[in-house]
């Protein structure tokens, strides 16, 4: 049960559960700006916790980004869409965050990867009843579209920061 604690008597036996007020995880939606991570430079994202039990929570995420502010060496403006399945491990505000996802660049530029798969290992701060959300993570890309002269999969190390609000 979320927000419950076990009490022990003097002999170490477990007693009845004690409710901890305000610790139920009710903020199931979040929006945030993500810098780096699994978009080209930034993305605006929405995620929704779809399952919560004890210390584990599962969420899905979708974002929308673009290269619009970073066009110097780019052939044009294109949208970037990351989607992800996220698992969070933590009881209250602090969570280990693990994820698997896919990012699509909507461009025909032959030198750019268009389909990228990524993993996430990071930290998420989110209050159970809503408010500030802060995420930091390492999110390496793997793509079957290797555009370099070396053979095999393209692997791109990435990391980033997200700041937003949950409700």
Protein backbone atom coordinates (compact mmCIF):
# COMPACT_ATOMS: atom_id res chain seq x y z
CA UNK A 1 0.00 0.00 0.00
CA UNK A 2 1.47 3.41 -0.95
CA UNK A 3 2.14 5.67 2.01
CA UNK A 4 2.14 2.88 4.57
CA UNK A 5 4.84 1.88 7.03
CA UNK A 6 5.30 -1.20 9.16
CA UNK A 7 5.66 -0.81 12.93
CA UNK A 8 7.62 -3.27 15.07
CA UNK A 9 7.07 -4.04 18.72
CA UNK A 10 9.91 -4.43 21.27
CA UNK A 11 10.44 -8.08 20.34
CA UNK A 12 10.98 -7.23 16.62
CA UNK A 13 7.65 -8.63 15.42
CA UNK A 14 5.82 -6.69 12.73
CA UNK A 15 2.75 -4.81 13.88
CA UNK A 16 -0.08 -3.07 11.98
CA UNK A 17 0.57 -0.75 9.04
CA UNK A 18 0.72 2.95 9.91
CA UNK A 19 -0.41 5.51 7.29
CA UNK A 20 2.09 8.26 6.44
CA UNK A 21 -0.05 11.29 5.42
CA UNK A 22 0.85 13.06 2.17
CA UNK A 23 3.08 10.25 0.85
CA UNK A 24 0.56 8.65 -1.53
CA UNK A 25 1.81 9.11 -5.10
CA UNK A 26 -0.98 11.16 -6.69
CA UNK A 27 0.96 13.27 -9.24
CA UNK A 28 0.78 10.86 -12.15
CA UNK A 29 1.39 13.33 -15.03
CA UNK A 30 4.38 15.55 -15.72
CA UNK A 31 5.58 17.96 -18.38
CA UNK A 32 9.17 19.14 -18.68
CA UNK A 33 11.81 20.69 -20.89
CA UNK A 34 14.66 18.29 -21.59
CA UNK A 35 18.08 19.57 -22.65
CA UNK A 36 20.23 16.95 -24.41
CA UNK A 37 19.29 13.34 -23.65
CA UNK A 38 17.34 11.74 -26.50
CA UNK A 39 16.52 14.67 -28.74
CA UNK A 40 19.00 16.62 -30.85
CA UNK A 41 19.28 19.54 -28.45
CA UNK A 42 16.04 19.91 -26.50
CA UNK A 43 12.47 18.64 -26.35
CA UNK A 44 9.20 19.44 -24.61
CA UNK A 45 7.81 16.27 -23.03
CA UNK A 46 4.79 14.77 -21.32
CA UNK A 47 4.87 11.59 -19.29
CA UNK A 48 2.23 9.64 -17.44
CA UNK A 49 2.69 7.11 -14.66
CA UNK A 50 0.52 4.16 -15.65
CA UNK A 51 1.40 1.76 -12.82
CA UNK A 52 2.50 2.28 -9.23
CA UNK A 53 3.15 -0.30 -6.54
CA UNK A 54 5.32 0.05 -3.42
CA UNK A 55 8.68 1.39 -4.64
CA UNK A 56 8.13 0.74 -8.39
CA UNK A 57 6.40 3.02 -10.88
CA UNK A 58 6.04 2.58 -14.66
CA UNK A 59 5.48 5.48 -17.04
CA UNK A 60 5.25 6.28 -20.74
CA UNK A 61 6.62 9.44 -22.32
CA UNK A 62 6.37 11.35 -25.59
CA UNK A 63 8.23 14.48 -26.60
CA UNK A 64 8.63 16.95 -29.42
CA UNK A 65 11.87 18.72 -30.25
CA UNK A 66 13.58 20.40 -33.17
CA UNK A 67 16.97 21.67 -34.24
CA UNK A 68 15.57 25.18 -34.85
CA UNK A 69 18.05 27.01 -32.56
CA UNK A 70 21.05 24.91 -33.68
CA UNK A 71 20.97 25.30 -37.46
CA UNK A 72 24.52 26.48 -38.22
CA UNK A 73 25.76 23.16 -39.60
CA UNK A 74 22.34 21.67 -40.28
CA UNK A 75 20.79 21.43 -43.77
CA UNK A 76 17.35 22.57 -42.55
CA UNK A 77 14.81 22.53 -39.75
CA UNK A 78 13.28 19.19 -38.78
CA UNK A 79 11.21 17.81 -35.88
CA UNK A 80 12.48 15.17 -33.45
CA UNK A 81 10.07 12.86 -31.58
CA UNK A 82 11.26 10.71 -28.64
CA UNK A 83 8.99 8.04 -27.10
CA UNK A 84 9.95 5.98 -24.06
CA UNK A 85 8.90 3.39 -21.49
CA UNK A 86 10.22 4.34 -18.05
CA UNK A 87 10.63 2.40 -14.81
CA UNK A 88 11.18 4.32 -11.57
CA UNK A 89 12.42 2.83 -8.33
CA UNK A 90 11.96 4.89 -5.17
CA UNK A 91 9.51 5.42 -2.37
CA UNK A 92 8.83 9.17 -2.17
CA UNK A 93 10.62 12.01 -3.99
CA UNK A 94 13.88 10.37 -5.15
CA UNK A 95 13.87 7.71 -7.88
CA UNK A 96 16.34 5.69 -9.88
CA UNK A 97 15.01 5.97 -13.42
CA UNK A 98 15.58 3.33 -16.13
CA UNK A 99 14.13 3.54 -19.60
CA UNK A 100 14.08 2.20 -23.14
CA UNK A 101 12.94 4.28 -26.06
CA UNK A 102 13.01 5.34 -29.67
CA UNK A 103 13.75 8.71 -31.24
CA UNK A 104 12.82 9.64 -34.80
CA UNK A 105 14.33 12.54 -36.70
CA UNK A 106 11.97 13.61 -39.48
CA UNK A 107 14.56 14.63 -42.07
CA UNK A 108 15.70 13.34 -45.44
CA UNK A 109 19.29 14.50 -44.89
CA UNK A 110 21.45 11.49 -45.84
CA UNK A 111 24.21 12.30 -43.31
CA UNK A 112 21.88 12.28 -40.27
CA UNK A 113 20.66 9.23 -38.37
CA UNK A 114 16.86 9.08 -38.56
CA UNK A 115 16.00 6.11 -36.32
CA UNK A 116 17.68 5.87 -32.94
CA UNK A 117 17.07 3.54 -30.01
CA UNK A 118 18.21 4.54 -26.55
CA UNK A 119 18.49 3.44 -22.97
CA UNK A 120 18.24 5.62 -19.86
CA UNK A 121 19.96 5.41 -16.50
CA UNK A 122 19.28 8.40 -14.33
CA UNK A 123 17.90 10.12 -11.25
CA UNK A 124 14.42 11.66 -10.96
CA UNK A 125 13.19 14.00 -8.23
CA UNK A 126 9.40 14.28 -8.13
CA UNK A 127 7.20 15.03 -5.14
CA UNK A 128 4.39 12.47 -4.65
CA UNK A 129 1.63 15.10 -4.67
CA UNK A 130 2.94 17.30 -7.52
CA UNK A 131 5.33 20.14 -8.09
CA UNK A 132 8.91 20.32 -9.27
CA UNK A 133 10.35 17.52 -11.46
CA UNK A 134 14.11 17.32 -12.04
CA UNK A 135 15.75 14.53 -14.05
CA UNK A 136 19.40 13.88 -14.92
CA UNK A 137 20.41 10.89 -17.02
CA UNK A 138 22.81 9.16 -19.34
CA UNK A 139 20.93 8.14 -22.52
CA UNK A 140 23.18 6.54 -25.16
CA UNK A 141 21.78 6.13 -28.68
CA UNK A 142 22.19 3.01 -30.79
CA UNK A 143 21.21 3.13 -34.45
CA UNK A 144 21.26 0.51 -37.21
CA UNK A 145 21.85 3.41 -39.67
CA UNK A 146 25.59 3.86 -39.31
CA UNK A 147 26.47 6.95 -41.39
CA UNK A 148 30.21 6.81 -40.61
CA UNK A 149 32.97 4.96 -42.46
CA UNK A 150 33.25 2.30 -39.72
CA UNK A 151 31.03 -0.77 -39.93
CA UNK A 152 28.45 -1.93 -37.38
CA UNK A 153 25.94 -0.08 -35.25
CA UNK A 154 26.29 3.64 -34.60
CA UNK A 155 26.62 4.33 -30.86
CA UNK A 156 26.29 7.93 -29.65
CA UNK A 157 26.85 8.73 -25.94
CA UNK A 158 24.36 11.31 -24.61
CA UNK A 159 23.40 12.84 -21.28
CA UNK A 160 21.03 15.57 -20.24
CA UNK A 161 18.85 17.45 -17.79
CA UNK A 162 15.06 17.85 -17.53
CA UNK A 163 13.15 20.41 -15.48
CA UNK A 164 9.39 20.67 -15.24
CA UNK A 165 6.27 20.15 -13.18
CA UNK A 166 4.14 17.19 -12.13
CA UNK A 167 0.43 17.23 -11.38
